[in-house]
Amino acid sequence: MHHYSSPVGGSNTLVSIQYEERNRKLLKIMDTRFTKGKCLVLERSLSRPRTEVSLSAFSLLFSEMVQYCQSRVYSVSELQARLGDMGRGVGASLLDLLVLREKNGKRETKVLNILLFIKVSVWKSLFSKEADKLEQANDDDKTYYIIEKEPLVNTFISVPKENSTLNCAAFTAGMVEAILTHSGFPAKVTAHWHKGTTLMIKFDEAVITRDKQLDGRLINVTIEFKLKAINIQTIINNELPDCYTFSVTVLFDNRAHSGKVKISLRNQAIITECRDPSVSGHKENYMRVAFDVLVALVCGLSLALCGRSILRGIVLQNEFVRFFRQSLCRSVCWGDRLEFINGWYLLLIISDVLTIIASFIKIGIETKTLASYDVCGILMGTSTLLVWVGVIRYLSFFQKYNILIVTLRAAFPNVIRFCCCAAAIYMGYCFCGWIVLGPYHAKFRSLSTVSECLFSLINGDDMFATFSEVERSSTLVWIFSQLYLYTFISLFIYMVLSLFIALITGAYDTITQQAQEGPQVSDLHMFISQCMDTPTSGKFQSPEPPESCSLFCCFN
């Protein structure tokens, strides 16, 4: 057992030199100790058996280290600080040995986990046993205690009465502090005499705040960043490069708490011309911009003319209704009223509005002031679809080509009524499948996917896969799924779909029969037929024709 007196400052020079020489040799032995395989100690695996240092060797080395530190300080606090500094160096190397160089090492993110790692793994590697206790302070959530009744560092050290406050476990406290700091949990660790030896660990406020944020259930994490890129245009067209800024958002969604985090990525691109002073020139896109302006002007003219025709039809309809009410004391049915409003003009108005908006967005894209590619594409595509549908109007002037339009017009009211009834049954099957089969079938996980699956089944698509992919973990649910799918397919394919086709066929037969027997004359057509004046009779001309004619005459 080694005894030492209180720290002294005026020690003999020869003794000091001997201490320094001896400790240099000891440190050299500790730093350059090799195994049989000529491998440094930090490169050895902890899984190798029987690598412990003998207790006598440890007590000798530690007592010499305490004496070395004691000879260079003047107070107990300074001695404990020196022991703590030496312990920090050992702790950093020990963490490297335990975690970074081991295959199964992992980085802890919670305060309790890192403390358990120290209490169990670190203590076993140092002292071949776990620490006695790990406690948290009752009045401070930042303070924890590791209690060791008989620490090995104090076992072979006797402290004089005048230095009774000295605790050589400051060396262990330094190791623990270094391990916590290098693991991302900065803390202040001190050694105290309480219930044996207690290491008081006081974490920084930021560590506790982070731990509380991680302690609650993770709902979602949003990562936002921006990327910049340059698109070099073709040199032949003398175009300037385009500068793109991509605003990227990555969302990790764990609201379901199902064990799988949904990951989604949203990207919004902003395009501008590069304004760097070293870039000069101009982009030759005037022809495309001029063409877009021309398209917008033509569509604007078409919109004005169609709107004029619709307004005139409404005015004429009101006059016709007033005449019938005042002269004949009769009301006009809605079918005759709709004869004054041309549906093709309404279709053209919608198409023109979409084309005008899309043209201006396209001009903004060409001039690098807008980047709404999706909106422009949707508007332009929809307007093009409506224009091509409007081409059918010109085919309706031929009786043999008019059969599609007439059949659709005749069948449309009955088809709408039939679809309303079928939609009620269809939605019932959708909700039933979503509620019952959602946990057991991938195609029934959401209401939209259920609707897509059932609509595919109506058209006979992917039937076998829908039957076979039902999980058989629950026999009751599997039997229900078979009844559910069989009844839906039988009802909608054999009955609903057949009746839907029968409605179209019935309307076609009705149109064919009317063509043979002659069309039914409505009140409007009967009223028009009473006029026996021919267009060349002169009764339909204005009494005073305009002296000049221009483009604006169309609006008079």
Protein backbone atom coordinates (compact mmCIF):
# COMPACT_ATOMS: atom_id res chain seq x y z
CA MET A 1 0.00 0.00 0.00
CA HIS A 2 1.45 3.32 -1.09
CA HIS A 3 1.24 6.35 1.20
CA TYR A 4 1.95 9.87 0.10
CA SER A 5 2.09 13.13 1.95
CA SER A 6 0.53 16.47 1.03
CA PRO A 7 1.67 18.12 -2.20
CA VAL A 8 4.94 19.97 -1.95
CA GLY A 9 6.37 22.60 -4.23
CA GLY A 10 10.07 22.74 -3.35
CA SER A 11 11.08 19.13 -3.90
CA ASN A 12 14.63 18.08 -4.54
CA THR A 13 15.82 18.58 -8.14
CA LEU A 14 17.38 15.13 -8.28
CA VAL A 15 14.15 13.53 -7.05
CA SER A 16 12.19 15.52 -9.64
CA ILE A 17 14.52 14.36 -12.42
CA GLN A 18 14.20 10.75 -11.24
CA TYR A 19 10.41 11.04 -11.22
CA GLU A 20 10.35 12.53 -14.71
CA GLU A 21 12.70 9.87 -16.08
CA ARG A 22 10.75 7.05 -14.51
CA ASN A 23 7.38 8.34 -15.70
CA ARG A 24 8.69 8.87 -19.22
CA LYS A 25 9.69 5.21 -19.26
CA LEU A 26 6.29 4.20 -17.91
CA LEU A 27 4.43 6.27 -20.51
CA LYS A 28 6.68 4.88 -23.22
CA ILE A 29 5.89 1.34 -22.10
CA MET A 30 2.13 2.11 -22.05
CA ASP A 31 2.14 3.77 -25.50
CA THR A 32 4.33 1.25 -27.32
CA ARG A 33 3.14 -2.02 -25.83
CA PHE A 34 2.96 -4.72 -28.56
CA THR A 35 1.32 -8.10 -28.74
CA LYS A 36 2.90 -11.17 -30.20
CA GLY A 37 1.60 -10.24 -33.63
CA LYS A 38 3.37 -6.88 -33.48
CA CYS A 39 0.00 -5.08 -33.39
CA LEU A 40 -0.68 -1.87 -31.49
CA VAL A 41 -3.04 -2.15 -28.55
CA LEU A 42 -5.64 0.12 -30.18
CA GLU A 43 -5.81 -2.22 -33.16
CA ARG A 44 -6.62 -5.29 -31.12
CA SER A 45 -10.18 -6.59 -30.91
CA LEU A 46 -11.90 -6.60 -27.55
CA SER A 47 -13.26 -10.06 -28.26
CA ARG A 48 -9.85 -11.65 -27.63
CA PRO A 49 -9.84 -13.48 -24.30
CA ARG A 50 -7.55 -12.87 -21.35
CA THR A 51 -6.16 -9.45 -22.18
CA GLU A 52 -6.58 -8.02 -18.67
CA VAL A 53 -3.70 -6.27 -16.91
CA SER A 54 -2.78 -7.82 -13.58
CA LEU A 55 -4.09 -6.01 -10.52
CA SER A 56 -0.62 -5.48 -9.07
CA ALA A 57 0.64 -3.93 -12.32
CA PHE A 58 -2.38 -1.60 -12.43
CA SER A 59 -1.93 -0.50 -8.80
CA LEU A 60 1.77 0.19 -9.38
CA LEU A 61 1.21 2.19 -12.56
CA PHE A 62 -1.70 4.17 -11.14
CA SER A 63 0.11 5.00 -7.88
CA GLU A 64 3.13 6.18 -9.87
CA MET A 65 0.82 8.30 -12.04
CA VAL A 66 -0.78 9.87 -8.95
CA GLN A 67 2.65 10.58 -7.47
CA TYR A 68 3.78 12.08 -10.79
CA CYS A 69 0.80 14.46 -10.83
CA GLN A 70 1.12 15.23 -7.11
CA SER A 71 4.71 16.39 -7.51
CA ARG A 72 3.63 19.10 -9.95
CA VAL A 73 0.66 20.67 -8.17
CA TYR A 74 0.08 22.69 -5.02
CA SER A 75 -3.50 21.81 -4.07
CA VAL A 76 -5.98 18.96 -4.08
CA SER A 77 -8.16 20.62 -6.73
CA GLU A 78 -5.18 20.94 -9.07
CA LEU A 79 -4.27 17.29 -8.49
CA GLN A 80 -7.81 16.16 -9.34
CA ALA A 81 -7.77 18.39 -12.43
CA ARG A 82 -4.51 16.77 -13.60
CA LEU A 83 -5.92 13.29 -13.03
CA GLY A 84 -9.02 14.30 -14.97
CA ASP A 85 -6.91 15.53 -17.90
CA MET A 86 -5.02 12.25 -18.03
CA GLY A 87 -8.30 10.36 -17.83
CA ARG A 88 -9.69 12.30 -20.79
CA GLY A 89 -6.85 11.11 -22.98
CA VAL A 90 -7.44 7.51 -21.95
CA GLY A 91 -11.22 7.89 -22.43
CA ALA A 92 -10.85 9.19 -25.99
CA SER A 93 -8.62 6.23 -26.90
CA LEU A 94 -10.97 3.81 -25.16
CA LEU A 95 -13.96 5.09 -27.14
CA ASP A 96 -11.97 4.63 -30.32
CA LEU A 97 -11.21 1.08 -29.24
CA LEU A 98 -14.77 0.19 -28.19
CA VAL A 99 -16.79 1.74 -31.00
CA LEU A 100 -14.90 2.85 -34.06
CA ARG A 101 -12.72 -0.25 -34.45
CA GLU A 102 -15.35 -2.84 -33.60
CA LYS A 103 -17.65 -4.34 -36.24
CA ASN A 104 -20.78 -4.17 -34.09
CA GLY A 105 -20.17 -0.66 -32.80
CA LYS A 106 -22.96 1.90 -33.17
CA ARG A 107 -23.48 5.53 -32.33
CA GLU A 108 -25.99 6.25 -29.59
CA THR A 109 -28.46 9.12 -29.93
CA LYS A 110 -30.25 9.03 -26.55
CA VAL A 111 -28.84 10.13 -23.20
CA LEU A 112 -30.02 7.02 -21.37
CA ASN A 113 -28.49 4.71 -23.98
CA ILE A 114 -25.05 6.34 -23.82
CA LEU A 115 -25.14 6.21 -20.01
CA LEU A 116 -26.03 2.51 -20.10
CA PHE A 117 -23.20 2.01 -22.58
CA ILE A 118 -20.79 3.54 -20.05
CA LYS A 119 -22.28 1.67 -17.10
CA VAL A 120 -22.09 -1.72 -18.84
CA SER A 121 -19.67 -1.85 -21.77
CA VAL A 122 -17.10 0.72 -20.65
CA TRP A 123 -17.02 -0.51 -17.05
CA LYS A 124 -16.67 -4.14 -18.15
CA SER A 125 -13.76 -3.32 -20.44
CA LEU A 126 -12.05 -1.30 -17.69
CA PHE A 127 -12.90 -3.11 -14.47
CA SER A 128 -14.40 -6.45 -15.65
CA LYS A 129 -17.78 -5.62 -14.09
CA GLU A 130 -20.68 -3.23 -14.43
CA ALA A 131 -20.99 -0.06 -12.39
CA ASP A 132 -23.03 -0.48 -9.23
CA LYS A 133 -25.77 2.10 -9.88
CA LEU A 134 -26.99 4.65 -12.41
CA GLU A 135 -29.37 7.28 -11.05
CA GLN A 136 -30.90 10.58 -12.13
CA ALA A 137 -31.19 13.63 -9.92
CA ASN A 138 -34.69 14.28 -8.60
CA ASP A 139 -34.58 18.06 -9.05
CA ASP A 140 -32.49 18.38 -12.23
CA ASP A 141 -33.08 16.54 -15.50
CA LYS A 142 -29.54 17.42 -16.66
CA THR A 143 -27.76 15.59 -13.82
CA TYR A 144 -27.07 11.86 -13.57
CA TYR A 145 -24.98 9.82 -11.12
CA ILE A 146 -22.84 6.73 -11.62
CA ILE A 147 -22.26 5.22 -8.18
CA GLU A 148 -19.38 2.86 -7.46
CA LYS A 149 -19.08 1.71 -3.84
CA GLU A 150 -15.46 0.53 -4.05
CA PRO A 151 -13.80 1.91 -7.20
CA LEU A 152 -10.59 0.22 -8.19
CA VAL A 153 -8.73 3.52 -8.50
CA ASN A 154 -9.26 4.23 -4.78
CA THR A 155 -8.65 0.71 -3.49
CA PHE A 156 -4.85 0.89 -3.25
CA ILE A 157 -4.56 4.62 -2.45
CA SER A 158 -4.59 5.88 1.12
CA VAL A 159 -5.29 9.57 1.57
CA PRO A 160 -3.91 11.57 4.56
CA LYS A 161 -6.42 13.33 6.78
CA GLU A 162 -5.31 16.79 5.66
CA ASN A 163 -6.24 15.83 2.07
CA SER A 164 -9.44 13.95 2.85
CA THR A 165 -11.32 15.68 0.02
CA LEU A 166 -9.10 14.06 -2.61
CA ASN A 167 -10.83 11.45 -4.76
CA CYS A 168 -8.62 9.65 -7.26
CA ALA A 169 -11.78 8.69 -9.16
CA ALA A 170 -11.28 12.04 -10.89
CA PHE A 171 -9.23 9.97 -13.33
CA THR A 172 -12.32 7.84 -14.07
CA ALA A 173 -14.45 10.99 -14.26
CA GLY A 174 -12.12 12.34 -16.94
CA MET A 175 -12.48 9.13 -18.94
CA VAL A 176 -16.28 9.28 -18.72
CA GLU A 177 -16.31 12.96 -19.70
CA ALA A 178 -14.13 12.28 -22.76
CA ILE A 179 -16.33 9.37 -23.85
CA LEU A 180 -19.49 11.47 -23.53
CA THR A 181 -17.99 14.49 -25.30
CA HIS A 182 -16.58 12.50 -28.21
CA SER A 183 -19.91 10.65 -28.54
CA GLY A 184 -21.79 13.91 -29.05
CA PHE A 185 -23.04 14.36 -25.47
CA PRO A 186 -20.94 17.20 -24.01
CA ALA A 187 -21.05 17.11 -20.22
CA LYS A 188 -19.07 17.99 -17.10
CA VAL A 189 -18.15 14.96 -14.94
CA THR A 190 -16.80 15.30 -11.39
CA ALA A 191 -16.00 12.76 -8.66
CA HIS A 192 -17.49 13.05 -5.15
CA TRP A 193 -17.57 11.05 -1.91
CA HIS A 194 -21.18 9.91 -1.55
CA LYS A 195 -22.39 6.33 -1.06
CA GLY A 196 -18.83 5.34 -1.81
CA THR A 197 -17.70 7.21 -4.92
CA THR A 198 -20.19 9.04 -7.11
CA LEU A 199 -19.48 10.43 -10.56
CA MET A 200 -21.80 13.40 -11.10
CA ILE A 201 -22.57 13.88 -14.81
CA LYS A 202 -24.07 17.24 -15.74
CA PHE A 203 -25.06 17.46 -19.42
CA ASP A 204 -25.25 20.64 -21.45
CA GLU A 205 -28.68 22.18 -22.00
CA ALA A 206 -28.52 21.48 -25.73
CA VAL A 207 -28.09 17.75 -25.08
CA ILE A 208 -31.21 17.57 -22.93
CA THR A 209 -33.22 19.62 -25.44
CA ARG A 210 -32.16 17.31 -28.26
CA ASP A 211 -32.98 14.25 -26.17
CA LYS A 212 -36.49 15.55 -25.43
CA GLN A 213 -37.09 16.14 -29.12
CA LEU A 214 -35.99 12.60 -29.92
CA ASP A 215 -37.87 11.18 -26.96
CA GLY A 216 -41.26 11.99 -28.46
CA ARG A 217 -42.50 9.95 -31.38
CA LEU A 218 -41.10 11.07 -34.67
CA ILE A 219 -43.94 12.49 -36.76
CA ASN A 220 -42.16 13.83 -39.81
CA VAL A 221 -38.87 15.29 -40.92
CA THR A 222 -38.61 17.83 -43.71
CA ILE A 223 -35.31 18.52 -45.47
CA GLU A 224 -35.21 21.53 -47.79
CA PHE A 225 -32.30 22.56 -49.96
CA LYS A 226 -31.61 24.24 -53.28
CA LEU A 227 -29.52 23.13 -56.23
CA LYS A 228 -28.26 25.34 -59.02
CA ALA A 229 -27.51 24.17 -62.54
CA ILE A 230 -26.70 25.71 -65.92
CA ASN A 231 -28.10 24.49 -69.23
CA ILE A 232 -25.77 25.38 -72.10
CA GLN A 233 -27.83 26.11 -75.21
CA THR A 234 -26.79 25.30 -78.75
CA ILE A 235 -24.11 27.54 -80.19
CA ILE A 236 -25.70 27.43 -83.65
CA ASN A 237 -28.80 29.32 -82.45
CA ASN A 238 -26.67 31.86 -80.55
CA GLU A 239 -28.64 31.23 -77.35
CA LEU A 240 -27.60 32.26 -73.87
CA PRO A 241 -27.24 29.56 -71.20
CA ASP A 242 -30.16 29.05 -68.82
CA CYS A 243 -29.67 29.10 -65.06
CA TYR A 244 -31.89 26.73 -63.10
CA THR A 245 -32.61 26.79 -59.38
CA PHE A 246 -34.18 23.59 -58.07
CA SER A 247 -35.97 23.90 -54.73
CA VAL A 248 -35.95 20.34 -53.41
CA THR A 249 -38.01 19.17 -50.43
CA VAL A 250 -37.59 15.68 -48.98
CA LEU A 251 -40.32 14.61 -46.54
CA PHE A 252 -40.03 11.65 -44.16
CA ASP A 253 -43.58 10.94 -42.98
CA ASN A 254 -44.09 8.71 -39.93
CA ARG A 255 -47.62 9.75 -38.99
CA ALA A 256 -48.90 6.20 -39.46
CA HIS A 257 -46.33 4.77 -36.98
CA SER A 258 -46.42 1.52 -38.94
CA GLY A 259 -42.70 0.82 -38.80
CA LYS A 260 -42.14 2.15 -42.32
CA VAL A 261 -41.42 5.82 -42.94
CA LYS A 262 -42.87 7.15 -46.19
CA ILE A 263 -40.39 9.17 -48.20
CA SER A 264 -41.54 11.72 -50.75
CA LEU A 265 -39.61 14.22 -52.86
CA ARG A 266 -40.95 17.47 -54.29
CA ASN A 267 -38.99 19.50 -56.79
CA GLN A 268 -39.77 22.96 -58.12
CA ALA A 269 -37.59 24.42 -60.86
CA ILE A 270 -37.09 28.14 -61.45
CA ILE A 271 -35.47 29.09 -64.76
CA THR A 272 -33.82 32.43 -65.50
CA GLU A 273 -31.32 33.78 -67.96
CA CYS A 274 -27.79 33.85 -66.62
CA ARG A 275 -27.00 37.45 -65.63
CA ASP A 276 -23.29 37.00 -65.11
CA PRO A 277 -21.32 39.97 -66.50
CA SER A 278 -19.08 37.61 -68.48
CA VAL A 279 -22.10 36.29 -70.43
CA SER A 280 -23.18 38.43 -73.35
CA GLY A 281 -25.43 38.02 -76.35
CA HIS A 282 -29.12 37.56 -76.99
CA LYS A 283 -31.48 34.68 -77.47
CA GLU A 284 -33.24 34.42 -80.80
CA ASN A 285 -36.76 33.47 -79.72
CA TYR A 286 -38.65 36.37 -81.25
CA MET A 287 -40.36 34.20 -83.85
CA ARG A 288 -41.77 31.82 -81.26
CA VAL A 289 -42.97 34.69 -79.08
CA ALA A 290 -44.55 36.38 -82.11
CA PHE A 291 -46.31 33.14 -83.04
CA ASP A 292 -47.66 32.78 -79.50
CA VAL A 293 -48.96 36.35 -79.60
CA LEU A 294 -50.63 35.66 -82.96
CA VAL A 295 -52.32 32.53 -81.57
CA ALA A 296 -53.58 34.50 -78.56
CA LEU A 297 -54.98 37.25 -80.81
CA VAL A 298 -56.78 34.78 -83.10
CA CYS A 299 -58.25 32.97 -80.10
CA GLY A 300 -59.30 36.31 -78.64
CA LEU A 301 -61.13 37.19 -81.86
CA SER A 302 -62.80 33.76 -81.89
CA LEU A 303 -63.80 34.23 -78.26
CA ALA A 304 -65.40 37.59 -79.02
CA LEU A 305 -67.36 36.26 -82.00
CA CYS A 306 -68.59 33.18 -80.13
CA GLY A 307 -69.57 35.32 -77.15
CA ARG A 308 -71.49 37.65 -79.47
CA SER A 309 -73.39 34.69 -80.94
CA ILE A 310 -74.25 33.34 -77.49
CA LEU A 311 -75.53 36.74 -76.33
CA ARG A 312 -77.64 37.18 -79.46
CA GLY A 313 -79.08 33.71 -78.97
CA ILE A 314 -80.05 34.54 -75.38
CA VAL A 315 -81.71 37.80 -76.48
CA LEU A 316 -83.63 35.99 -79.22
CA GLN A 317 -84.66 33.30 -76.75
CA ASN A 318 -86.11 35.89 -74.37
CA GLU A 319 -88.09 37.50 -77.21
CA PHE A 320 -89.44 34.11 -78.30
CA VAL A 321 -90.49 33.19 -74.74
CA ARG A 322 -92.16 36.60 -74.27
CA PHE A 323 -94.02 36.28 -77.58
CA PHE A 324 -95.34 32.82 -76.69
CA ARG A 325 -96.46 33.99 -73.27
CA GLN A 326 -98.17 37.18 -74.47
CA SER A 327 -99.59 36.09 -77.84
CA LEU A 328 -100.27 32.38 -77.41
CA CYS A 329 -100.45 32.21 -73.59
CA ARG A 330 -98.14 29.22 -73.60
CA SER A 331 -94.83 28.47 -71.91
CA VAL A 332 -91.77 27.26 -73.79
CA CYS A 333 -90.13 23.98 -72.73
CA TRP A 334 -86.44 23.82 -71.90
CA GLY A 335 -85.67 21.78 -74.98
CA ASP A 336 -86.87 24.62 -77.23
CA ARG A 337 -85.06 27.21 -75.12
CA LEU A 338 -81.74 25.38 -75.48
CA GLU A 339 -82.14 25.50 -79.26
CA PHE A 340 -81.15 29.18 -79.11
CA ILE A 341 -77.83 28.40 -77.39
CA ASN A 342 -75.27 26.67 -79.54
CA GLY A 343 -73.29 24.18 -77.46
CA TRP A 344 -70.44 24.20 -79.97
CA TYR A 345 -69.92 27.90 -79.28
CA LEU A 346 -69.64 27.19 -75.56
CA LEU A 347 -67.04 24.52 -76.34
CA LEU A 348 -65.08 26.99 -78.47
CA ILE A 349 -65.26 29.67 -75.76
CA ILE A 350 -63.75 27.31 -73.19
CA SER A 351 -61.08 26.21 -75.67
CA ASP A 352 -60.20 29.82 -76.57
CA VAL A 353 -59.90 30.87 -72.93
CA LEU A 354 -57.58 27.97 -72.16
CA THR A 355 -55.48 28.64 -75.26
CA ILE A 356 -55.09 32.34 -74.46
CA ILE A 357 -53.96 31.63 -70.89
CA ALA A 358 -51.60 28.89 -72.06
CA SER A 359 -50.12 31.17 -74.74
CA PHE A 360 -49.28 33.89 -72.23
CA ILE A 361 -47.72 31.34 -69.86
CA LYS A 362 -45.68 29.98 -72.77
CA ILE A 363 -44.50 33.51 -73.57
CA GLY A 364 -43.41 33.83 -69.93
CA ILE A 365 -41.49 30.57 -70.23
CA GLU A 366 -39.81 31.72 -73.43
CA THR A 367 -38.75 34.99 -71.81
CA LYS A 368 -37.53 33.18 -68.65
CA THR A 369 -40.00 34.96 -66.36
CA LEU A 370 -42.13 31.89 -65.57
CA ALA A 371 -41.43 28.20 -65.09
CA SER A 372 -44.98 26.79 -64.91
CA TYR A 373 -44.43 23.96 -67.36
CA ASP A 374 -47.11 21.71 -65.87
CA VAL A 375 -49.85 24.35 -65.86
CA CYS A 376 -48.99 25.39 -69.41
CA GLY A 377 -49.02 21.78 -70.60
CA ILE A 378 -52.38 21.00 -68.98
CA LEU A 379 -54.06 24.11 -70.40
CA MET A 380 -52.61 23.65 -73.86
CA GLY A 381 -53.43 19.94 -73.97
CA THR A 382 -57.02 20.47 -72.79
CA SER A 383 -57.64 23.24 -75.32
CA THR A 384 -56.25 21.07 -78.12
CA LEU A 385 -58.59 18.24 -77.09
CA LEU A 386 -61.60 20.56 -77.16
CA VAL A 387 -60.62 21.91 -80.58
CA TRP A 388 -60.47 18.43 -82.06
CA VAL A 389 -63.82 17.57 -80.47
CA GLY A 390 -65.20 20.70 -82.14
CA VAL A 391 -64.20 19.29 -85.53
CA ILE A 392 -67.11 16.84 -85.15
CA ARG A 393 -69.43 19.83 -85.58
CA TYR A 394 -68.53 20.09 -89.25
CA LEU A 395 -69.16 16.38 -89.76
CA SER A 396 -72.67 16.83 -88.38
CA PHE A 397 -73.66 18.64 -91.57
CA PHE A 398 -73.61 15.24 -93.27
CA GLN A 399 -76.45 12.95 -92.22
CA LYS A 400 -74.46 9.72 -92.39
CA TYR A 401 -71.64 11.15 -90.26
CA ASN A 402 -74.05 12.64 -87.73
CA ILE A 403 -75.11 9.35 -86.13
CA LEU A 404 -72.61 9.52 -83.23
CA ILE A 405 -73.61 13.01 -82.14
CA VAL A 406 -77.34 12.36 -82.43
CA THR A 407 -77.07 9.07 -80.51
CA LEU A 408 -75.05 10.63 -77.70
CA ARG A 409 -77.48 13.52 -77.46
CA ALA A 410 -80.47 11.17 -77.24
CA ALA A 411 -78.87 8.76 -74.76
CA PHE A 412 -77.21 11.36 -72.52
CA PRO A 413 -80.14 12.02 -70.08
CA ASN A 414 -80.83 8.33 -69.48
CA VAL A 415 -77.11 7.56 -69.17
CA ILE A 416 -76.69 10.24 -66.48
CA ARG A 417 -79.63 8.88 -64.46
CA PHE A 418 -78.31 5.34 -64.78
CA CYS A 419 -74.78 6.37 -63.73
CA CYS A 420 -76.11 8.06 -60.58
CA CYS A 421 -77.77 4.82 -59.47
CA ALA A 422 -74.73 2.70 -60.37
CA ALA A 423 -72.38 5.16 -58.61
CA ALA A 424 -74.19 4.61 -55.30
CA ILE A 425 -73.58 0.85 -55.47
CA TYR A 426 -70.02 1.40 -56.69
CA MET A 427 -69.14 3.72 -53.79
CA GLY A 428 -70.61 1.21 -51.36
CA TYR A 429 -68.25 -1.47 -52.67
CA CYS A 430 -65.33 1.00 -52.53
CA PHE A 431 -65.84 1.86 -48.87
CA CYS A 432 -66.51 -1.76 -47.92
CA GLY A 433 -63.33 -3.00 -49.62
CA TRP A 434 -61.25 -0.19 -48.12
CA ILE A 435 -62.46 -0.89 -44.57
CA VAL A 436 -62.32 -4.70 -44.62
CA LEU A 437 -59.56 -5.60 -47.10
CA GLY A 438 -57.25 -2.62 -46.54
CA PRO A 439 -54.93 -4.39 -44.06
CA TYR A 440 -54.83 -7.57 -46.16
CA HIS A 441 -54.46 -6.41 -49.77
CA ALA A 442 -52.12 -3.85 -51.35
CA LYS A 443 -54.78 -2.71 -53.84
CA PHE A 444 -57.19 -1.76 -51.05
CA ARG A 445 -54.85 0.34 -48.87
CA SER A 446 -56.47 3.68 -49.81
CA LEU A 447 -59.83 4.74 -51.18
CA SER A 448 -58.36 5.92 -54.48
CA THR A 449 -56.52 2.63 -55.09
CA VAL A 450 -59.72 0.70 -54.26
CA SER A 451 -61.62 2.69 -56.89
CA GLU A 452 -58.86 2.09 -59.45
CA CYS A 453 -58.84 -1.64 -58.70
CA LEU A 454 -62.63 -2.03 -58.97
CA PHE A 455 -62.78 -0.02 -62.19
CA SER A 456 -60.14 -2.32 -63.65
CA LEU A 457 -62.17 -5.35 -62.60
CA ILE A 458 -65.22 -3.98 -64.42
CA ASN A 459 -63.17 -4.01 -67.61
CA GLY A 460 -61.84 -7.52 -66.90
CA ASP A 461 -58.29 -6.42 -66.11
CA ASP A 462 -55.98 -8.20 -63.64
CA MET A 463 -58.68 -10.35 -62.05
CA PHE A 464 -56.52 -13.32 -61.05
CA ALA A 465 -53.91 -11.14 -59.34
CA THR A 466 -56.61 -9.39 -57.32
CA PHE A 467 -57.93 -12.74 -56.09
CA SER A 468 -54.55 -14.32 -55.40
CA GLU A 469 -52.89 -11.40 -53.56
CA VAL A 470 -55.31 -11.48 -50.64
CA GLU A 471 -53.45 -12.49 -47.48
CA ARG A 472 -54.66 -15.77 -45.94
CA SER A 473 -53.67 -14.93 -42.37
CA SER A 474 -57.34 -14.55 -41.48
CA THR A 475 -59.69 -17.21 -42.85
CA LEU A 476 -62.77 -15.09 -42.16
CA VAL A 477 -61.39 -12.13 -44.11
CA TRP A 478 -60.32 -14.41 -46.97
CA ILE A 479 -63.84 -15.88 -47.28
CA PHE A 480 -65.31 -12.37 -47.18
CA SER A 481 -62.90 -11.23 -49.91
CA GLN A 482 -64.02 -14.06 -52.20
CA LEU A 483 -67.70 -13.21 -51.73
CA TYR A 484 -66.94 -9.51 -52.12
CA LEU A 485 -65.06 -9.90 -55.42
CA TYR A 486 -67.42 -12.48 -56.93
CA THR A 487 -70.53 -10.41 -56.20
CA PHE A 488 -68.95 -7.20 -57.48
CA ILE A 489 -67.73 -8.74 -60.74
CA SER A 490 -71.03 -10.52 -61.36
CA LEU A 491 -73.13 -7.46 -60.59
CA PHE A 492 -71.19 -4.89 -62.59
CA ILE A 493 -70.03 -6.94 -65.57
CA TYR A 494 -73.13 -9.04 -66.16
CA MET A 495 -75.79 -6.52 -65.15
CA VAL A 496 -74.63 -2.91 -64.83
CA LEU A 497 -72.33 -2.90 -67.83
CA SER A 498 -74.86 -4.79 -69.96
CA LEU A 499 -77.62 -2.35 -69.05
CA PHE A 500 -75.33 0.57 -69.84
CA ILE A 501 -74.69 -0.82 -73.32
CA ALA A 502 -78.42 -1.48 -73.70
CA LEU A 503 -79.17 2.20 -73.04
CA ILE A 504 -76.84 3.29 -75.84
CA THR A 505 -78.25 0.63 -78.16
CA GLY A 506 -81.82 1.69 -77.35
CA ALA A 507 -81.02 5.32 -78.12
CA TYR A 508 -79.47 4.27 -81.43
CA ASP A 509 -82.56 2.22 -82.33
CA THR A 510 -84.79 5.17 -81.47
CA ILE A 511 -82.79 7.49 -83.71
CA THR A 512 -82.91 4.98 -86.54
CA GLN A 513 -86.68 4.59 -86.19
CA GLN A 514 -87.19 8.36 -86.12
CA ALA A 515 -85.12 8.70 -89.27
CA GLN A 516 -87.48 6.29 -91.02
CA GLU A 517 -90.74 7.72 -89.64
CA GLY A 518 -89.65 11.34 -89.67
CA PRO A 519 -88.49 13.52 -86.78
CA GLN A 520 -90.87 14.86 -84.16
CA VAL A 521 -91.67 18.54 -84.68
CA SER A 522 -91.24 20.75 -81.61
CA ASP A 523 -93.15 23.96 -80.88
CA LEU A 524 -90.18 26.02 -82.03
CA HIS A 525 -89.85 24.30 -85.38
CA MET A 526 -93.64 24.40 -85.87
CA PHE A 527 -93.59 28.14 -85.22
CA ILE A 528 -90.75 28.65 -87.68
CA SER A 529 -92.50 26.53 -90.33
CA GLN A 530 -95.49 28.92 -90.30
CA CYS A 531 -93.33 31.57 -91.94
CA MET A 532 -93.75 31.14 -95.70
CA ASP A 533 -91.45 33.99 -96.74
CA THR A 534 -88.31 32.97 -98.58
CA PRO A 535 -84.90 34.45 -97.78
CA THR A 536 -84.98 36.29 -101.12
CA SER A 537 -88.29 37.97 -100.43
CA GLY A 538 -86.62 41.04 -98.98
CA LYS A 539 -88.53 40.95 -95.70
CA PHE A 540 -85.45 39.89 -93.77
CA GLN A 541 -83.28 42.81 -94.87
CA SER A 542 -82.61 45.92 -92.81
CA PRO A 543 -84.54 48.99 -93.94
CA GLU A 544 -81.40 51.14 -93.94
CA PRO A 545 -78.20 49.23 -94.81
CA PRO A 546 -75.02 50.67 -93.29
CA GLU A 547 -73.05 53.02 -95.47
CA SER A 548 -69.67 51.49 -94.57
CA CYS A 549 -68.66 48.01 -93.57
CA SER A 550 -65.69 46.99 -91.47
CA LEU A 551 -64.59 44.30 -89.08
CA PHE A 552 -66.65 45.91 -86.31
CA CYS A 553 -69.85 45.31 -88.28
CA CYS A 554 -69.78 41.76 -87.00
CA PHE A 555 -70.54 43.04 -83.47
CA ASN A 556 -73.57 45.18 -84.51
